[in-house]
């Protein structure tokens, strides 16, 4: 699915640790800076090719993508998107207002899933 209504995307990533699936999450913002859409997708890893494939499939060419500056996000420019990297450089999320909505949505989703599935006890 390509979300063509969006011009600005904020992209987040989840590290691929043991028992975790690497994924990217993108949130589309309105002109007023409010969230419109979110797209989350698993990726094989945080490589330029994986991000290119994801961006080609899920982002409209020419959209503006803001990321945390991880090298693999250069793949969005290969897919025809504009890229704006903001390196966190050890700053806390509250010091990065550009990522407020993506952090809020991911935090709410994590809390919701944790509350819904708290009774399951999976062996790791």
N, C-alpha and C. Protein backbone atom coordinates (compact mmCIF):
# COMPACT_ATOMS: atom_id res chain seq x y z
N UNK A 1 0.85 -1.18 0.00
CA UNK A 1 0.00 0.00 0.00
C UNK A 1 0.89 1.24 0.00
N UNK A 2 0.64 2.14 -0.90
CA UNK A 2 1.38 3.39 -0.94
C UNK A 2 0.48 4.49 -0.39
N UNK A 3 0.99 5.21 0.58
CA UNK A 3 0.23 6.32 1.17
C UNK A 3 0.65 7.58 0.44
N UNK A 4 -0.17 8.04 -0.48
CA UNK A 4 0.21 9.16 -1.33
C UNK A 4 -0.27 10.51 -0.80
N UNK A 5 -1.07 10.53 0.24
CA UNK A 5 -1.59 11.78 0.76
C UNK A 5 -0.56 12.52 1.61
N UNK A 6 0.48 11.84 1.99
CA UNK A 6 1.43 12.42 2.94
C UNK A 6 2.60 13.07 2.23
N UNK A 7 3.06 14.13 2.79
CA UNK A 7 4.29 14.76 2.33
C UNK A 7 5.40 14.60 3.35
N UNK A 8 5.05 14.55 4.61
CA UNK A 8 6.05 14.46 5.68
C UNK A 8 5.90 13.15 6.43
N UNK A 9 7.00 12.44 6.57
CA UNK A 9 7.00 11.18 7.30
C UNK A 9 8.09 11.21 8.35
N UNK A 10 7.76 10.70 9.52
CA UNK A 10 8.76 10.48 10.56
C UNK A 10 8.97 8.98 10.65
N UNK A 11 10.19 8.56 10.68
CA UNK A 11 10.49 7.13 10.65
C UNK A 11 11.22 6.74 11.92
N UNK A 12 10.81 5.63 12.50
CA UNK A 12 11.47 5.08 13.68
C UNK A 12 11.89 3.66 13.37
N UNK A 13 12.76 3.12 14.20
CA UNK A 13 13.20 1.75 13.99
C UNK A 13 13.26 1.03 15.32
N UNK A 14 13.17 -0.28 15.24
CA UNK A 14 13.31 -1.13 16.42
C UNK A 14 14.51 -2.01 16.17
N UNK A 15 15.42 -2.03 17.10
CA UNK A 15 16.64 -2.82 16.95
C UNK A 15 16.31 -4.30 16.91
N UNK A 16 17.08 -5.04 16.13
CA UNK A 16 16.87 -6.47 15.99
C UNK A 16 17.61 -7.25 17.06
N UNK A 17 17.08 -7.31 18.24
CA UNK A 17 17.67 -8.05 19.34
C UNK A 17 17.10 -9.47 19.36
N UNK A 18 17.61 -10.30 20.24
CA UNK A 18 17.09 -11.66 20.34
C UNK A 18 15.59 -11.61 20.64
N UNK A 19 14.84 -12.46 19.96
CA UNK A 19 13.38 -12.55 20.10
C UNK A 19 12.67 -11.27 19.68
N UNK A 20 13.32 -10.45 18.88
CA UNK A 20 12.70 -9.22 18.37
C UNK A 20 12.75 -9.25 16.86
N UNK A 21 11.80 -8.61 16.23
CA UNK A 21 11.74 -8.52 14.78
C UNK A 21 12.08 -7.08 14.39
N UNK A 22 13.08 -6.88 13.54
CA UNK A 22 13.37 -5.50 13.13
C UNK A 22 12.20 -4.94 12.31
N UNK A 23 11.82 -3.72 12.59
CA UNK A 23 10.75 -3.09 11.82
C UNK A 23 10.99 -1.60 11.73
N UNK A 24 10.33 -1.00 10.76
CA UNK A 24 10.32 0.45 10.66
C UNK A 24 8.88 0.90 10.84
N UNK A 25 8.73 2.06 11.41
CA UNK A 25 7.41 2.66 11.60
C UNK A 25 7.47 4.07 11.04
N UNK A 26 6.47 4.42 10.26
CA UNK A 26 6.40 5.75 9.68
C UNK A 26 5.06 6.37 10.05
N UNK A 27 5.09 7.62 10.40
CA UNK A 27 3.85 8.33 10.73
C UNK A 27 3.76 9.55 9.83
N UNK A 28 2.60 9.73 9.23
CA UNK A 28 2.36 10.85 8.35
C UNK A 28 1.72 11.97 9.16
N UNK A 29 2.22 13.18 8.97
CA UNK A 29 1.71 14.33 9.72
C UNK A 29 0.97 15.29 8.79
N UNK A 30 -0.06 15.92 9.33
CA UNK A 30 -0.80 16.95 8.59
C UNK A 30 0.04 18.23 8.54
N UNK A 31 -0.45 19.21 7.81
CA UNK A 31 0.22 20.50 7.74
C UNK A 31 0.32 21.16 9.12
N UNK A 32 -0.62 20.82 10.01
CA UNK A 32 -0.63 21.36 11.37
C UNK A 32 0.27 20.55 12.31
N UNK A 33 0.88 19.48 11.80
CA UNK A 33 1.76 18.66 12.62
C UNK A 33 1.06 17.58 13.42
N UNK A 34 -0.17 17.26 13.06
CA UNK A 34 -0.93 16.21 13.75
C UNK A 34 -0.82 14.90 12.96
N UNK A 35 -0.87 13.75 13.63
CA UNK A 35 -0.75 12.47 12.91
C UNK A 35 -1.97 12.18 12.04
N UNK A 36 -1.70 11.65 10.85
CA UNK A 36 -2.76 11.24 9.93
C UNK A 36 -2.79 9.71 9.78
N UNK A 37 -1.65 9.14 9.46
CA UNK A 37 -1.53 7.71 9.21
C UNK A 37 -0.27 7.18 9.87
N UNK A 38 -0.30 5.88 10.14
CA UNK A 38 0.92 5.20 10.59
C UNK A 38 1.07 3.95 9.75
N UNK A 39 2.29 3.63 9.43
CA UNK A 39 2.60 2.42 8.68
C UNK A 39 3.76 1.76 9.38
N UNK A 40 3.57 0.49 9.78
CA UNK A 40 4.65 -0.27 10.39
C UNK A 40 4.87 -1.50 9.54
N UNK A 41 6.12 -1.84 9.33
CA UNK A 41 6.43 -3.00 8.50
C UNK A 41 7.71 -3.66 8.99
N UNK A 42 7.71 -4.99 9.03
CA UNK A 42 8.96 -5.68 9.35
C UNK A 42 9.92 -5.56 8.18
N UNK A 43 11.19 -5.51 8.48
CA UNK A 43 12.24 -5.48 7.46
C UNK A 43 13.23 -6.59 7.78
N UNK A 44 13.93 -7.10 6.76
CA UNK A 44 14.88 -8.17 7.03
C UNK A 44 16.06 -7.73 7.91
N UNK A 45 16.34 -6.45 7.91
CA UNK A 45 17.43 -5.90 8.71
C UNK A 45 17.55 -4.42 8.40
N UNK A 46 18.42 -3.75 9.12
CA UNK A 46 18.59 -2.32 8.90
C UNK A 46 19.72 -2.09 7.90
N UNK A 47 19.39 -2.39 6.63
CA UNK A 47 20.32 -2.19 5.54
C UNK A 47 19.72 -1.18 4.57
N UNK A 48 20.58 -0.57 3.78
CA UNK A 48 20.10 0.40 2.81
C UNK A 48 19.12 -0.24 1.83
N UNK A 49 19.41 -1.48 1.41
CA UNK A 49 18.53 -2.17 0.47
C UNK A 49 17.17 -2.47 1.11
N UNK A 50 17.16 -2.92 2.37
CA UNK A 50 15.90 -3.22 3.05
C UNK A 50 15.05 -1.96 3.18
N UNK A 51 15.67 -0.84 3.52
CA UNK A 51 14.93 0.42 3.64
C UNK A 51 14.47 0.91 2.27
N UNK A 52 15.31 0.73 1.25
CA UNK A 52 14.92 1.08 -0.12
C UNK A 52 13.68 0.29 -0.53
N UNK A 53 13.70 -1.03 -0.31
CA UNK A 53 12.56 -1.87 -0.68
C UNK A 53 11.30 -1.44 0.06
N UNK A 54 11.44 -1.16 1.35
CA UNK A 54 10.29 -0.70 2.14
C UNK A 54 9.76 0.63 1.62
N UNK A 55 10.66 1.59 1.40
CA UNK A 55 10.24 2.91 0.94
C UNK A 55 9.59 2.85 -0.43
N UNK A 56 10.13 2.02 -1.31
CA UNK A 56 9.56 1.87 -2.65
C UNK A 56 8.14 1.33 -2.57
N UNK A 57 7.91 0.39 -1.67
CA UNK A 57 6.59 -0.22 -1.54
C UNK A 57 5.59 0.65 -0.78
N UNK A 58 6.07 1.44 0.19
CA UNK A 58 5.14 2.07 1.13
C UNK A 58 5.13 3.59 1.17
N UNK A 59 6.06 4.24 0.51
CA UNK A 59 6.09 5.70 0.54
C UNK A 59 5.93 6.26 -0.86
N UNK A 60 5.33 7.41 -0.96
CA UNK A 60 5.17 8.08 -2.25
C UNK A 60 6.47 8.77 -2.63
N UNK A 61 6.90 8.61 -3.89
CA UNK A 61 8.12 9.31 -4.31
C UNK A 61 7.99 10.82 -4.08
N UNK A 62 9.05 11.43 -3.63
CA UNK A 62 9.05 12.87 -3.39
C UNK A 62 8.64 13.27 -1.98
N UNK A 63 8.13 12.32 -1.18
CA UNK A 63 7.74 12.69 0.18
C UNK A 63 9.01 13.01 0.99
N UNK A 64 8.83 13.71 2.06
CA UNK A 64 9.93 14.12 2.93
C UNK A 64 9.97 13.15 4.12
N UNK A 65 11.10 12.50 4.31
CA UNK A 65 11.27 11.52 5.38
C UNK A 65 12.26 12.08 6.40
N UNK A 66 11.86 12.11 7.65
CA UNK A 66 12.75 12.52 8.74
C UNK A 66 13.10 11.26 9.54
N UNK A 67 14.39 11.02 9.74
CA UNK A 67 14.81 9.84 10.47
C UNK A 67 15.85 10.21 11.52
N UNK A 68 16.28 9.19 12.27
CA UNK A 68 17.29 9.41 13.30
C UNK A 68 18.71 9.38 12.74
N UNK A 69 18.84 9.31 11.42
CA UNK A 69 20.15 9.42 10.80
C UNK A 69 20.92 8.13 10.65
N UNK A 70 20.32 6.99 11.01
CA UNK A 70 20.99 5.71 10.81
C UNK A 70 21.32 5.57 9.32
N UNK A 71 22.50 5.06 9.02
CA UNK A 71 22.98 5.00 7.64
C UNK A 71 22.04 4.32 6.67
N UNK A 72 21.30 3.31 7.13
CA UNK A 72 20.41 2.58 6.22
C UNK A 72 19.30 3.45 5.66
N UNK A 73 18.96 4.55 6.34
CA UNK A 73 17.87 5.40 5.86
C UNK A 73 18.24 6.20 4.62
N UNK A 74 19.49 6.09 4.17
CA UNK A 74 19.84 6.66 2.86
C UNK A 74 19.05 5.94 1.77
N UNK A 75 18.54 4.76 2.07
CA UNK A 75 17.72 4.02 1.12
C UNK A 75 16.46 4.75 0.70
N UNK A 76 15.95 5.66 1.53
CA UNK A 76 14.76 6.41 1.13
C UNK A 76 15.08 7.39 0.01
N UNK A 77 16.29 7.92 -0.03
CA UNK A 77 16.66 8.80 -1.14
C UNK A 77 16.80 7.99 -2.42
N UNK A 78 17.30 6.76 -2.30
CA UNK A 78 17.38 5.88 -3.47
C UNK A 78 15.99 5.59 -4.03
N UNK A 79 14.97 5.63 -3.17
CA UNK A 79 13.59 5.37 -3.58
C UNK A 79 12.88 6.64 -4.06
N UNK A 80 13.60 7.74 -4.14
CA UNK A 80 13.01 8.97 -4.67
C UNK A 80 12.39 9.88 -3.64
N UNK A 81 12.64 9.64 -2.37
CA UNK A 81 12.13 10.49 -1.31
C UNK A 81 13.21 11.48 -0.87
N UNK A 82 12.79 12.56 -0.24
CA UNK A 82 13.74 13.49 0.35
C UNK A 82 14.03 13.00 1.78
N UNK A 83 15.26 13.17 2.22
CA UNK A 83 15.63 12.65 3.54
C UNK A 83 16.21 13.76 4.40
N UNK A 84 15.68 13.85 5.61
CA UNK A 84 16.16 14.80 6.61
C UNK A 84 16.57 14.00 7.84
N UNK A 85 17.85 13.94 8.09
CA UNK A 85 18.36 13.15 9.22
C UNK A 85 18.55 14.05 10.44
N UNK A 86 18.04 13.61 11.57
CA UNK A 86 18.24 14.30 12.84
C UNK A 86 18.92 13.30 13.78
N UNK A 87 20.20 13.50 14.02
CA UNK A 87 20.96 12.58 14.84
C UNK A 87 20.69 12.88 16.31
N UNK A 88 20.23 11.87 17.03
CA UNK A 88 19.87 12.04 18.45
C UNK A 88 21.10 12.35 19.29
N UNK A 89 22.21 11.72 18.99
CA UNK A 89 23.49 11.99 19.66
C UNK A 89 23.36 11.99 21.18
N UNK A 90 22.66 10.98 21.72
CA UNK A 90 22.55 10.84 23.17
C UNK A 90 21.46 11.69 23.81
N UNK A 91 20.75 12.50 23.04
CA UNK A 91 19.68 13.31 23.61
C UNK A 91 18.47 12.44 23.96
N UNK A 92 17.70 12.87 24.92
CA UNK A 92 16.50 12.17 25.34
C UNK A 92 15.35 12.52 24.39
N UNK A 93 14.33 11.63 24.30
CA UNK A 93 13.20 11.89 23.41
C UNK A 93 12.54 13.25 23.62
N UNK A 94 12.47 13.71 24.89
CA UNK A 94 11.83 15.00 25.15
C UNK A 94 12.61 16.16 24.52
N UNK A 95 13.90 15.92 24.22
CA UNK A 95 14.72 16.95 23.59
C UNK A 95 14.66 16.90 22.07
N UNK A 96 13.85 16.00 21.53
CA UNK A 96 13.71 15.84 20.08
C UNK A 96 12.24 15.96 19.70
N UNK A 97 11.69 17.17 19.66
CA UNK A 97 10.26 17.32 19.38
C UNK A 97 9.85 16.80 18.01
N UNK A 98 10.79 16.68 17.08
CA UNK A 98 10.46 16.16 15.75
C UNK A 98 9.92 14.74 15.83
N UNK A 99 10.33 13.99 16.86
CA UNK A 99 9.92 12.60 16.98
C UNK A 99 8.82 12.39 18.03
N UNK A 100 8.19 13.45 18.46
CA UNK A 100 7.16 13.36 19.50
C UNK A 100 6.04 12.40 19.13
N UNK A 101 5.46 12.55 17.94
CA UNK A 101 4.31 11.74 17.58
C UNK A 101 4.67 10.28 17.36
N UNK A 102 5.78 10.00 16.72
CA UNK A 102 6.14 8.60 16.49
C UNK A 102 6.43 7.92 17.82
N UNK A 103 7.10 8.62 18.74
CA UNK A 103 7.37 8.05 20.06
C UNK A 103 6.07 7.84 20.85
N UNK A 104 5.14 8.77 20.73
CA UNK A 104 3.85 8.66 21.42
C UNK A 104 3.06 7.47 20.90
N UNK A 105 2.96 7.35 19.58
CA UNK A 105 2.19 6.26 18.99
C UNK A 105 2.81 4.91 19.34
N UNK A 106 4.12 4.79 19.21
CA UNK A 106 4.77 3.52 19.53
C UNK A 106 4.65 3.18 21.02
N UNK A 107 4.77 4.18 21.87
CA UNK A 107 4.59 3.95 23.31
C UNK A 107 3.18 3.50 23.65
N UNK A 108 2.18 4.14 23.04
CA UNK A 108 0.79 3.76 23.28
C UNK A 108 0.51 2.35 22.77
N UNK A 109 1.06 2.02 21.62
CA UNK A 109 0.87 0.69 21.06
C UNK A 109 1.51 -0.37 21.96
N UNK A 110 2.72 -0.11 22.43
CA UNK A 110 3.41 -1.04 23.32
C UNK A 110 2.62 -1.25 24.61
N UNK A 111 2.10 -0.17 25.18
CA UNK A 111 1.31 -0.26 26.40
C UNK A 111 0.02 -1.04 26.15
N UNK A 112 -0.63 -0.79 25.02
CA UNK A 112 -1.87 -1.48 24.69
C UNK A 112 -1.64 -2.98 24.52
N UNK A 113 -0.60 -3.34 23.79
CA UNK A 113 -0.31 -4.76 23.59
C UNK A 113 0.11 -5.44 24.89
N UNK A 114 0.89 -4.74 25.69
CA UNK A 114 1.32 -5.29 26.97
C UNK A 114 0.15 -5.54 27.90
N UNK A 115 -0.83 -4.65 27.88
CA UNK A 115 -2.02 -4.82 28.70
C UNK A 115 -2.91 -5.94 28.21
N UNK A 116 -2.98 -6.10 26.89
CA UNK A 116 -3.84 -7.13 26.32
C UNK A 116 -3.26 -8.53 26.48
N UNK A 117 -1.94 -8.63 26.49
CA UNK A 117 -1.30 -9.94 26.49
C UNK A 117 -0.46 -10.19 27.74
N UNK A 118 -0.78 -9.54 28.83
CA UNK A 118 0.02 -9.68 30.04
C UNK A 118 -0.08 -11.07 30.67
N UNK A 119 -1.13 -11.82 30.36
CA UNK A 119 -1.32 -13.13 30.97
C UNK A 119 -0.49 -14.23 30.31
N UNK A 120 0.06 -13.96 29.13
CA UNK A 120 0.84 -14.98 28.44
C UNK A 120 2.25 -15.00 29.00
N UNK A 121 2.76 -16.19 29.18
CA UNK A 121 4.12 -16.34 29.70
C UNK A 121 4.91 -17.19 28.70
N UNK A 122 5.65 -16.53 27.85
CA UNK A 122 6.42 -17.23 26.84
C UNK A 122 7.84 -17.45 27.34
N UNK A 123 8.32 -18.65 27.12
CA UNK A 123 9.73 -18.95 27.46
C UNK A 123 10.62 -18.35 26.37
N UNK A 124 11.71 -17.75 26.79
CA UNK A 124 12.63 -17.15 25.82
C UNK A 124 13.83 -18.02 25.64
